[in-house]
mmCIF file of all heavy atoms, coordinates in Angstrom:
data_MODEL
# 
_entry.id   MODEL 
# 
loop_
_atom_site.group_PDB 
_atom_site.id 
_atom_site.type_symbol 
_atom_site.label_atom_id 
_atom_site.label_alt_id 
_atom_site.label_comp_id 
_atom_site.label_asym_id 
_atom_site.label_entity_id 
_atom_site.label_seq_id 
_atom_site.pdbx_PDB_ins_code 
_atom_site.Cartn_x 
_atom_site.Cartn_y 
_atom_site.Cartn_z 
_atom_site.occupancy 
_atom_site.B_iso_or_equiv 
_atom_site.pdbx_formal_charge 
_atom_site.auth_seq_id 
_atom_site.auth_comp_id 
_atom_site.auth_asym_id 
_atom_site.auth_atom_id 
_atom_site.pdbx_PDB_model_num 
ATOM 1   N N   . HIS A 1 1  ? 0.815  -1.216 0.000  1.00 0.00 ? 1  HIS A N   1 
ATOM 2   C CA  . HIS A 1 1  ? 0.000  0.000  0.000  1.00 0.00 ? 1  HIS A CA  1 
ATOM 3   C C   . HIS A 1 1  ? 0.853  1.272  0.000  1.00 0.00 ? 1  HIS A C   1 
ATOM 4   O O   . HIS A 1 1  ? 0.328  2.362  0.241  1.00 0.00 ? 1  HIS A O   1 
ATOM 5   C CB  . HIS A 1 1  ? -0.922 0.001  1.224  1.00 0.00 ? 1  HIS A CB  1 
ATOM 6   C CG  . HIS A 1 1  ? -1.879 -1.148 1.266  1.00 0.00 ? 1  HIS A CG  1 
ATOM 7   N ND1 . HIS A 1 1  ? -2.904 -1.298 0.355  1.00 0.00 ? 1  HIS A ND1 1 
ATOM 8   C CD2 . HIS A 1 1  ? -1.945 -2.218 2.094  1.00 0.00 ? 1  HIS A CD2 1 
ATOM 9   C CE1 . HIS A 1 1  ? -3.573 -2.411 0.631  1.00 0.00 ? 1  HIS A CE1 1 
ATOM 10  N NE2 . HIS A 1 1  ? -3.012 -2.989 1.685  1.00 0.00 ? 1  HIS A NE2 1 
ATOM 11  N N   . GLU A 1 2  ? 2.154  1.147  -0.260 1.00 0.00 ? 2  GLU A N   1 
ATOM 12  C CA  . GLU A 1 2  ? 3.040  2.313  -0.193 1.00 0.00 ? 2  GLU A CA  1 
ATOM 13  C C   . GLU A 1 2  ? 2.588  3.438  -1.124 1.00 0.00 ? 2  GLU A C   1 
ATOM 14  O O   . GLU A 1 2  ? 2.588  4.610  -0.717 1.00 0.00 ? 2  GLU A O   1 
ATOM 15  C CB  . GLU A 1 2  ? 4.477  1.910  -0.545 1.00 0.00 ? 2  GLU A CB  1 
ATOM 16  C CG  . GLU A 1 2  ? 5.435  3.101  -0.561 1.00 0.00 ? 2  GLU A CG  1 
ATOM 17  C CD  . GLU A 1 2  ? 6.822  2.746  -1.072 1.00 0.00 ? 2  GLU A CD  1 
ATOM 18  O OE1 . GLU A 1 2  ? 7.317  1.643  -0.750 1.00 0.00 ? 2  GLU A OE1 1 
ATOM 19  O OE2 . GLU A 1 2  ? 7.405  3.575  -1.783 1.00 0.00 ? 2  GLU A OE2 1 
ATOM 20  N N   . ILE A 1 3  ? 2.240  3.131  -2.355 1.00 0.00 ? 3  ILE A N   1 
ATOM 21  C CA  . ILE A 1 3  ? 1.874  4.173  -3.316 1.00 0.00 ? 3  ILE A CA  1 
ATOM 22  C C   . ILE A 1 3  ? 0.716  5.010  -2.791 1.00 0.00 ? 3  ILE A C   1 
ATOM 23  O O   . ILE A 1 3  ? 0.765  6.251  -2.767 1.00 0.00 ? 3  ILE A O   1 
ATOM 24  C CB  . ILE A 1 3  ? 1.494  3.555  -4.677 1.00 0.00 ? 3  ILE A CB  1 
ATOM 25  C CG1 . ILE A 1 3  ? 2.658  2.739  -5.243 1.00 0.00 ? 3  ILE A CG1 1 
ATOM 26  C CG2 . ILE A 1 3  ? 1.074  4.653  -5.657 1.00 0.00 ? 3  ILE A CG2 1 
ATOM 27  C CD1 . ILE A 1 3  ? 3.934  3.506  -5.459 1.00 0.00 ? 3  ILE A CD1 1 
ATOM 28  N N   . GLU A 1 4  ? -0.318 4.342  -2.332 1.00 0.00 ? 4  GLU A N   1 
ATOM 29  C CA  . GLU A 1 4  ? -1.490 5.028  -1.795 1.00 0.00 ? 4  GLU A CA  1 
ATOM 30  C C   . GLU A 1 4  ? -1.128 5.862  -0.561 1.00 0.00 ? 4  GLU A C   1 
ATOM 31  O O   . GLU A 1 4  ? -1.577 7.007  -0.415 1.00 0.00 ? 4  GLU A O   1 
ATOM 32  C CB  . GLU A 1 4  ? -2.531 3.969  -1.454 1.00 0.00 ? 4  GLU A CB  1 
ATOM 33  C CG  . GLU A 1 4  ? -3.686 4.412  -0.593 1.00 0.00 ? 4  GLU A CG  1 
ATOM 34  C CD  . GLU A 1 4  ? -4.497 3.219  -0.106 1.00 0.00 ? 4  GLU A CD  1 
ATOM 35  O OE1 . GLU A 1 4  ? -4.418 2.131  -0.714 1.00 0.00 ? 4  GLU A OE1 1 
ATOM 36  O OE2 . GLU A 1 4  ? -5.193 3.378  0.911  1.00 0.00 ? 4  GLU A OE2 1 
ATOM 37  N N   . MET A 1 5  ? -0.307 5.317  0.330  1.00 0.00 ? 5  MET A N   1 
ATOM 38  C CA  . MET A 1 5  ? 0.057  6.039  1.547  1.00 0.00 ? 5  MET A CA  1 
ATOM 39  C C   . MET A 1 5  ? 0.889  7.277  1.235  1.00 0.00 ? 5  MET A C   1 
ATOM 40  O O   . MET A 1 5  ? 0.715  8.327  1.869  1.00 0.00 ? 5  MET A O   1 
ATOM 41  C CB  . MET A 1 5  ? 0.825  5.120  2.504  1.00 0.00 ? 5  MET A CB  1 
ATOM 42  C CG  . MET A 1 5  ? 0.027  3.948  3.012  1.00 0.00 ? 5  MET A CG  1 
ATOM 43  S SD  . MET A 1 5  ? 0.923  3.005  4.268  1.00 0.00 ? 5  MET A SD  1 
ATOM 44  C CE  . MET A 1 5  ? 0.719  4.085  5.677  1.00 0.00 ? 5  MET A CE  1 
ATOM 45  N N   . VAL A 1 6  ? 1.781  7.173  0.282  1.00 0.00 ? 6  VAL A N   1 
ATOM 46  C CA  . VAL A 1 6  ? 2.608  8.321  -0.085 1.00 0.00 ? 6  VAL A CA  1 
ATOM 47  C C   . VAL A 1 6  ? 1.748  9.413  -0.714 1.00 0.00 ? 6  VAL A C   1 
ATOM 48  O O   . VAL A 1 6  ? 1.970  10.609 -0.470 1.00 0.00 ? 6  VAL A O   1 
ATOM 49  C CB  . VAL A 1 6  ? 3.744  7.878  -1.037 1.00 0.00 ? 6  VAL A CB  1 
ATOM 50  C CG1 . VAL A 1 6  ? 4.417  9.089  -1.665 1.00 0.00 ? 6  VAL A CG1 1 
ATOM 51  C CG2 . VAL A 1 6  ? 4.765  7.042  -0.274 1.00 0.00 ? 6  VAL A CG2 1 
ATOM 52  N N   . GLU A 1 7  ? 0.766  9.032  -1.500 1.00 0.00 ? 7  GLU A N   1 
ATOM 53  C CA  . GLU A 1 7  ? -0.133 10.041 -2.076 1.00 0.00 ? 7  GLU A CA  1 
ATOM 54  C C   . GLU A 1 7  ? -0.950 10.728 -0.986 1.00 0.00 ? 7  GLU A C   1 
ATOM 55  O O   . GLU A 1 7  ? -1.187 11.937 -1.039 1.00 0.00 ? 7  GLU A O   1 
ATOM 56  C CB  . GLU A 1 7  ? -1.038 9.388  -3.118 1.00 0.00 ? 7  GLU A CB  1 
ATOM 57  C CG  . GLU A 1 7  ? -0.274 8.973  -4.373 1.00 0.00 ? 7  GLU A CG  1 
ATOM 58  C CD  . GLU A 1 7  ? -1.117 8.181  -5.354 1.00 0.00 ? 7  GLU A CD  1 
ATOM 59  O OE1 . GLU A 1 7  ? -2.225 7.722  -4.959 1.00 0.00 ? 7  GLU A OE1 1 
ATOM 60  O OE2 . GLU A 1 7  ? -0.672 8.005  -6.507 1.00 0.00 ? 7  GLU A OE2 1 
ATOM 61  N N   . GLU A 1 8  ? -1.370 9.975  0.020  1.00 0.00 ? 8  GLU A N   1 
ATOM 62  C CA  . GLU A 1 8  ? -2.087 10.571 1.148  1.00 0.00 ? 8  GLU A CA  1 
ATOM 63  C C   . GLU A 1 8  ? -1.163 11.488 1.942  1.00 0.00 ? 8  GLU A C   1 
ATOM 64  O O   . GLU A 1 8  ? -1.586 12.567 2.397  1.00 0.00 ? 8  GLU A O   1 
ATOM 65  C CB  . GLU A 1 8  ? -2.649 9.472  2.042  1.00 0.00 ? 8  GLU A CB  1 
ATOM 66  C CG  . GLU A 1 8  ? -3.756 8.670  1.392  1.00 0.00 ? 8  GLU A CG  1 
ATOM 67  C CD  . GLU A 1 8  ? -4.098 7.393  2.136  1.00 0.00 ? 8  GLU A CD  1 
ATOM 68  O OE1 . GLU A 1 8  ? -3.302 6.977  3.008  1.00 0.00 ? 8  GLU A OE1 1 
ATOM 69  O OE2 . GLU A 1 8  ? -5.160 6.813  1.852  1.00 0.00 ? 8  GLU A OE2 1 
ATOM 70  N N   . PHE A 1 9  ? 0.094  11.070 2.101  1.00 0.00 ? 9  PHE A N   1 
ATOM 71  C CA  . PHE A 1 9  ? 1.067  11.917 2.783  1.00 0.00 ? 9  PHE A CA  1 
ATOM 72  C C   . PHE A 1 9  ? 1.276  13.223 2.025  1.00 0.00 ? 9  PHE A C   1 
ATOM 73  O O   . PHE A 1 9  ? 1.399  14.294 2.635  1.00 0.00 ? 9  PHE A O   1 
ATOM 74  C CB  . PHE A 1 9  ? 2.402  11.192 2.938  1.00 0.00 ? 9  PHE A CB  1 
ATOM 75  C CG  . PHE A 1 9  ? 3.481  12.034 3.570  1.00 0.00 ? 9  PHE A CG  1 
ATOM 76  C CD1 . PHE A 1 9  ? 3.540  12.192 4.942  1.00 0.00 ? 9  PHE A CD1 1 
ATOM 77  C CD2 . PHE A 1 9  ? 4.415  12.700 2.786  1.00 0.00 ? 9  PHE A CD2 1 
ATOM 78  C CE1 . PHE A 1 9  ? 4.508  12.991 5.530  1.00 0.00 ? 9  PHE A CE1 1 
ATOM 79  C CE2 . PHE A 1 9  ? 5.391  13.499 3.362  1.00 0.00 ? 9  PHE A CE2 1 
ATOM 80  C CZ  . PHE A 1 9  ? 5.435  13.637 4.739  1.00 0.00 ? 9  PHE A CZ  1 
ATOM 81  N N   . ARG A 1 10 ? 1.343  13.135 0.706  1.00 0.00 ? 10 ARG A N   1 
ATOM 82  C CA  . ARG A 1 10 ? 1.507  14.346 -0.115 1.00 0.00 ? 10 ARG A CA  1 
ATOM 83  C C   . ARG A 1 10 ? 0.426  15.368 0.200  1.00 0.00 ? 10 ARG A C   1 
ATOM 84  O O   . ARG A 1 10 ? 0.715  16.560 0.416  1.00 0.00 ? 10 ARG A O   1 
ATOM 85  C CB  . ARG A 1 10 ? 1.449  13.969 -1.596 1.00 0.00 ? 10 ARG A CB  1 
ATOM 86  C CG  . ARG A 1 10 ? 1.439  15.168 -2.566 1.00 0.00 ? 10 ARG A CG  1 
ATOM 87  C CD  . ARG A 1 10 ? 0.845  14.760 -3.904 1.00 0.00 ? 10 ARG A CD  1 
ATOM 88  N NE  . ARG A 1 10 ? -0.558 14.365 -3.763 1.00 0.00 ? 10 ARG A NE  1 
ATOM 89  C CZ  . ARG A 1 10 ? -1.174 13.540 -4.595 1.00 0.00 ? 10 ARG A CZ  1 
ATOM 90  N NH1 . ARG A 1 10 ? -0.529 12.984 -5.615 1.00 0.00 ? 10 ARG A NH1 1 
ATOM 91  N NH2 . ARG A 1 10 ? -2.448 13.245 -4.411 1.00 0.00 ? 10 ARG A NH2 1 
ATOM 92  N N   . ASP A 1 11 ? -0.826 14.932 0.239  1.00 0.00 ? 11 ASP A N   1 
ATOM 93  C CA  . ASP A 1 11 ? -1.925 15.860 0.518  1.00 0.00 ? 11 ASP A CA  1 
ATOM 94  C C   . ASP A 1 11 ? -1.780 16.469 1.912  1.00 0.00 ? 11 ASP A C   1 
ATOM 95  O O   . ASP A 1 11 ? -1.953 17.685 2.094  1.00 0.00 ? 11 ASP A O   1 
ATOM 96  C CB  . ASP A 1 11 ? -3.267 15.129 0.411  1.00 0.00 ? 11 ASP A CB  1 
ATOM 97  C CG  . ASP A 1 11 ? -3.591 14.708 -1.020 1.00 0.00 ? 11 ASP A CG  1 
ATOM 98  O OD1 . ASP A 1 11 ? -3.001 15.278 -1.962 1.00 0.00 ? 11 ASP A OD1 1 
ATOM 99  O OD2 . ASP A 1 11 ? -4.435 13.795 -1.181 1.00 0.00 ? 11 ASP A OD2 1 
ATOM 100 N N   . ALA A 1 12 ? -1.458 15.641 2.907  1.00 0.00 ? 12 ALA A N   1 
ATOM 101 C CA  . ALA A 1 12 ? -1.297 16.146 4.274  1.00 0.00 ? 12 ALA A CA  1 
ATOM 102 C C   . ALA A 1 12 ? -0.125 17.119 4.355  1.00 0.00 ? 12 ALA A C   1 
ATOM 103 O O   . ALA A 1 12 ? -0.221 18.189 4.982  1.00 0.00 ? 12 ALA A O   1 
ATOM 104 C CB  . ALA A 1 12 ? -1.089 14.984 5.238  1.00 0.00 ? 12 ALA A CB  1 
ATOM 105 N N   . HIS A 1 13 ? 0.990  16.775 3.717  1.00 0.00 ? 13 HIS A N   1 
ATOM 106 C CA  . HIS A 1 13 ? 2.182  17.609 3.740  1.00 0.00 ? 13 HIS A CA  1 
ATOM 107 C C   . HIS A 1 13 ? 1.918  18.982 3.133  1.00 0.00 ? 13 HIS A C   1 
ATOM 108 O O   . HIS A 1 13 ? 2.261  20.021 3.712  1.00 0.00 ? 13 HIS A O   1 
ATOM 109 C CB  . HIS A 1 13 ? 3.303  16.887 2.985  1.00 0.00 ? 13 HIS A CB  1 
ATOM 110 C CG  . HIS A 1 13 ? 4.532  17.696 2.781  1.00 0.00 ? 13 HIS A CG  1 
ATOM 111 N ND1 . HIS A 1 13 ? 4.744  18.470 1.646  1.00 0.00 ? 13 HIS A ND1 1 
ATOM 112 C CD2 . HIS A 1 13 ? 5.627  17.882 3.565  1.00 0.00 ? 13 HIS A CD2 1 
ATOM 113 C CE1 . HIS A 1 13 ? 5.904  19.071 1.738  1.00 0.00 ? 13 HIS A CE1 1 
ATOM 114 N NE2 . HIS A 1 13 ? 6.452  18.736 2.895  1.00 0.00 ? 13 HIS A NE2 1 
ATOM 115 N N   . GLU A 1 14 ? 1.288  19.000 1.968  1.00 0.00 ? 14 GLU A N   1 
ATOM 116 C CA  . GLU A 1 14 ? 1.064  20.281 1.302  1.00 0.00 ? 14 GLU A CA  1 
ATOM 117 C C   . GLU A 1 14 ? 0.033  21.126 2.035  1.00 0.00 ? 14 GLU A C   1 
ATOM 118 O O   . GLU A 1 14 ? 0.159  22.359 2.093  1.00 0.00 ? 14 GLU A O   1 
ATOM 119 C CB  . GLU A 1 14 ? 0.668  20.027 -0.154 1.00 0.00 ? 14 GLU A CB  1 
ATOM 120 C CG  . GLU A 1 14 ? 1.827  19.427 -0.957 1.00 0.00 ? 14 GLU A CG  1 
ATOM 121 C CD  . GLU A 1 14 ? 1.497  19.129 -2.402 1.00 0.00 ? 14 GLU A CD  1 
ATOM 122 O OE1 . GLU A 1 14 ? 0.348  19.436 -2.832 1.00 0.00 ? 14 GLU A OE1 1 
ATOM 123 O OE2 . GLU A 1 14 ? 2.361  18.578 -3.111 1.00 0.00 ? 14 GLU A OE2 1 
ATOM 124 N N   . ASN A 1 15 ? -0.976 20.488 2.632  1.00 0.00 ? 15 ASN A N   1 
ATOM 125 C CA  . ASN A 1 15 ? -1.930 21.243 3.449  1.00 0.00 ? 15 ASN A CA  1 
ATOM 126 C C   . ASN A 1 15 ? -1.261 21.808 4.698  1.00 0.00 ? 15 ASN A C   1 
ATOM 127 O O   . ASN A 1 15 ? -1.535 22.947 5.106  1.00 0.00 ? 15 ASN A O   1 
ATOM 128 C CB  . ASN A 1 15 ? -3.098 20.343 3.859  1.00 0.00 ? 15 ASN A CB  1 
ATOM 129 C CG  . ASN A 1 15 ? -4.028 20.031 2.709  1.00 0.00 ? 15 ASN A CG  1 
ATOM 130 O OD1 . ASN A 1 15 ? -4.026 20.723 1.695  1.00 0.00 ? 15 ASN A OD1 1 
ATOM 131 N ND2 . ASN A 1 15 ? -4.821 18.985 2.843  1.00 0.00 ? 15 ASN A ND2 1 
ATOM 132 N N   . ALA A 1 16 ? -0.374 21.030 5.307  1.00 0.00 ? 16 ALA A N   1 
ATOM 133 C CA  . ALA A 1 16 ? 0.334  21.509 6.495  1.00 0.00 ? 16 ALA A CA  1 
ATOM 134 C C   . ALA A 1 16 ? 1.226  22.701 6.156  1.00 0.00 ? 16 ALA A C   1 
ATOM 135 O O   . ALA A 1 16 ? 1.361  23.636 6.960  1.00 0.00 ? 16 ALA A O   1 
ATOM 136 C CB  . ALA A 1 16 ? 1.161  20.379 7.097  1.00 0.00 ? 16 ALA A CB  1 
ATOM 137 N N   . ARG A 1 17 ? 1.840  22.660 4.995  1.00 0.00 ? 17 ARG A N   1 
ATOM 138 C CA  . ARG A 1 17 ? 2.711  23.765 4.583  1.00 0.00 ? 17 ARG A CA  1 
ATOM 139 C C   . ARG A 1 17 ? 1.929  25.077 4.483  1.00 0.00 ? 17 ARG A C   1 
ATOM 140 O O   . ARG A 1 17 ? 2.460  26.150 4.784  1.00 0.00 ? 17 ARG A O   1 
ATOM 141 C CB  . ARG A 1 17 ? 3.358  23.449 3.229  1.00 0.00 ? 17 ARG A CB  1 
ATOM 142 C CG  . ARG A 1 17 ? 4.482  22.417 3.317  1.00 0.00 ? 17 ARG A CG  1 
ATOM 143 C CD  . ARG A 1 17 ? 5.717  23.038 3.982  1.00 0.00 ? 17 ARG A CD  1 
ATOM 144 N NE  . ARG A 1 17 ? 6.808  22.088 4.081  1.00 0.00 ? 17 ARG A NE  1 
ATOM 145 C CZ  . ARG A 1 17 ? 7.129  21.395 5.162  1.00 0.00 ? 17 ARG A CZ  1 
ATOM 146 N NH1 . ARG A 1 17 ? 6.386  21.521 6.265  1.00 0.00 ? 17 ARG A NH1 1 
ATOM 147 N NH2 . ARG A 1 17 ? 8.163  20.584 5.175  1.00 0.00 ? 17 ARG A NH2 1 
ATOM 148 N N   . GLU A 1 18 ? 0.666  25.002 4.090  1.00 0.00 ? 18 GLU A N   1 
ATOM 149 C CA  . GLU A 1 18 ? -0.156 26.207 3.980  1.00 0.00 ? 18 GLU A CA  1 
ATOM 150 C C   . GLU A 1 18 ? -0.365 26.879 5.335  1.00 0.00 ? 18 GLU A C   1 
ATOM 151 O O   . GLU A 1 18 ? -0.648 28.072 5.406  1.00 0.00 ? 18 GLU A O   1 
ATOM 152 C CB  . GLU A 1 18 ? -1.508 25.864 3.365  1.00 0.00 ? 18 GLU A CB  1 
ATOM 153 C CG  . GLU A 1 18 ? -1.430 25.420 1.913  1.00 0.00 ? 18 GLU A CG  1 
ATOM 154 C CD  . GLU A 1 18 ? -2.795 25.051 1.351  1.00 0.00 ? 18 GLU A CD  1 
ATOM 155 O OE1 . GLU A 1 18 ? -3.803 25.222 2.086  1.00 0.00 ? 18 GLU A OE1 1 
ATOM 156 O OE2 . GLU A 1 18 ? -2.859 24.606 0.197  1.00 0.00 ? 18 GLU A OE2 1 
ATOM 157 N N   . HIS A 1 19 ? -0.200 26.083 6.412  1.00 0.00 ? 19 HIS A N   1 
ATOM 158 C CA  . HIS A 1 19 ? -0.429 26.606 7.765  1.00 0.00 ? 19 HIS A CA  1 
ATOM 159 C C   . HIS A 1 19 ? 0.853  26.670 8.595  1.00 0.00 ? 19 HIS A C   1 
ATOM 160 O O   . HIS A 1 19 ? 0.787  26.866 9.818  1.00 0.00 ? 19 HIS A O   1 
ATOM 161 C CB  . HIS A 1 19 ? -1.458 25.731 8.490  1.00 0.00 ? 19 HIS A CB  1 
ATOM 162 C CG  . HIS A 1 19 ? -2.792 25.656 7.808  1.00 0.00 ? 19 HIS A CG  1 
ATOM 163 N ND1 . HIS A 1 19 ? -3.614 26.752 7.659  1.00 0.00 ? 19 HIS A ND1 1 
ATOM 164 C CD2 . HIS A 1 19 ? -3.431 24.616 7.209  1.00 0.00 ? 19 HIS A CD2 1 
ATOM 165 C CE1 . HIS A 1 19 ? -4.718 26.389 7.028  1.00 0.00 ? 19 HIS A CE1 1 
ATOM 166 N NE2 . HIS A 1 19 ? -4.625 25.098 6.740  1.00 0.00 ? 19 HIS A NE2 1 
ATOM 167 N N   . ASP A 1 20 ? 2.009  26.529 7.935  1.00 0.00 ? 20 ASP A N   1 
ATOM 168 C CA  . ASP A 1 20 ? 3.297  26.560 8.647  1.00 0.00 ? 20 ASP A CA  1 
ATOM 169 C C   . ASP A 1 20 ? 3.361  25.532 9.772  1.00 0.00 ? 20 ASP A C   1 
ATOM 170 O O   . ASP A 1 20 ? 3.916  25.785 10.844 1.00 0.00 ? 20 ASP A O   1 
ATOM 171 C CB  . ASP A 1 20 ? 3.585  27.959 9.215  1.00 0.00 ? 20 ASP A CB  1 
ATOM 172 C CG  . ASP A 1 20 ? 4.084  28.923 8.158  1.00 0.00 ? 20 ASP A CG  1 
ATOM 173 O OD1 . ASP A 1 20 ? 4.613  28.455 7.131  1.00 0.00 ? 20 ASP A OD1 1 
ATOM 174 O OD2 . ASP A 1 20 ? 3.937  30.145 8.345  1.00 0.00 ? 20 ASP A OD2 1 
ATOM 175 N N   . MET A 1 21 ? 2.797  24.360 9.517  1.00 0.00 ? 21 MET A N   1 
ATOM 176 C CA  . MET A 1 21 ? 2.792  23.289 10.519 1.00 0.00 ? 21 MET A CA  1 
ATOM 177 C C   . MET A 1 21 ? 3.853  22.251 10.157 1.00 0.00 ? 21 MET A C   1 
ATOM 178 O O   . MET A 1 21 ? 3.810  21.671 9.066  1.00 0.00 ? 21 MET A O   1 
ATOM 179 C CB  . MET A 1 21 ? 1.413  22.623 10.593 1.00 0.00 ? 21 MET A CB  1 
ATOM 180 C CG  . MET A 1 21 ? 0.297  23.559 10.984 1.00 0.00 ? 21 MET A CG  1 
ATOM 181 S SD  . MET A 1 21 ? -1.346 22.756 10.883 1.00 0.00 ? 21 MET A SD  1 
ATOM 182 C CE  . MET A 1 21 ? -1.307 21.721 12.354 1.00 0.00 ? 21 MET A CE  1 
ATOM 183 N N   . PRO A 1 22 ? 4.821  21.986 11.031 1.00 0.00 ? 22 PRO A N   1 
ATOM 184 C CA  . PRO A 1 22 ? 5.800  20.932 10.760 1.00 0.00 ? 22 PRO A CA  1 
ATOM 185 C C   . PRO A 1 22 ? 5.126  19.571 10.594 1.00 0.00 ? 22 PRO A C   1 
ATOM 186 O O   . PRO A 1 22 ? 4.078  19.302 11.185 1.00 0.00 ? 22 PRO A O   1 
ATOM 187 C CB  . PRO A 1 22 ? 6.694  20.945 12.007 1.00 0.00 ? 22 PRO A CB  1 
ATOM 188 C CG  . PRO A 1 22 ? 6.515  22.301 12.598 1.00 0.00 ? 22 PRO A CG  1 
ATOM 189 C CD  . PRO A 1 22 ? 5.095  22.681 12.303 1.00 0.00 ? 22 PRO A CD  1 
ATOM 190 N N   . VAL A 1 23 ? 5.775  18.727 9.805  1.00 0.00 ? 23 VAL A N   1 
ATOM 191 C CA  . VAL A 1 23 ? 5.254  17.390 9.528  1.00 0.00 ? 23 VAL A CA  1 
ATOM 192 C C   . VAL A 1 23 ? 6.270  16.348 9.993  1.00 0.00 ? 23 VAL A C   1 
ATOM 193 O O   . VAL A 1 23 ? 7.438  16.378 9.594  1.00 0.00 ? 23 VAL A O   1 
ATOM 194 C CB  . VAL A 1 23 ? 4.977  17.199 8.027  1.00 0.00 ? 23 VAL A CB  1 
ATOM 195 C CG1 . VAL A 1 23 ? 4.419  15.807 7.761  1.00 0.00 ? 23 VAL A CG1 1 
ATOM 196 C CG2 . VAL A 1 23 ? 4.020  18.271 7.509  1.00 0.00 ? 23 VAL A CG2 1 
ATOM 197 N N   . VAL A 1 24 ? 5.811  15.437 10.851 1.00 0.00 ? 24 VAL A N   1 
ATOM 198 C CA  . VAL A 1 24 ? 6.642  14.342 11.332 1.00 0.00 ? 24 VAL A CA  1 
ATOM 199 C C   . VAL A 1 24 ? 6.184  13.065 10.639 1.00 0.00 ? 24 VAL A C   1 
ATOM 200 O O   . VAL A 1 24 ? 5.000  12.723 10.698 1.00 0.00 ? 24 VAL A O   1 
ATOM 201 C CB  . VAL A 1 24 ? 6.525  14.177 12.858 1.00 0.00 ? 24 VAL A CB  1 
ATOM 202 C CG1 . VAL A 1 24 ? 7.410  13.027 13.343 1.00 0.00 ? 24 VAL A CG1 1 
ATOM 203 C CG2 . VAL A 1 24 ? 6.895  15.485 13.565 1.00 0.00 ? 24 VAL A CG2 1 
# 
C-alpha cells in the first residue's frame, strides 16, 4: 500500500505547509 500512503502523505504535507505546521 506504499503508493497510496505516499499520495495521502503528499496531501497532508502540502496542506500543512499552507499553515506553517511541521510534519513528522
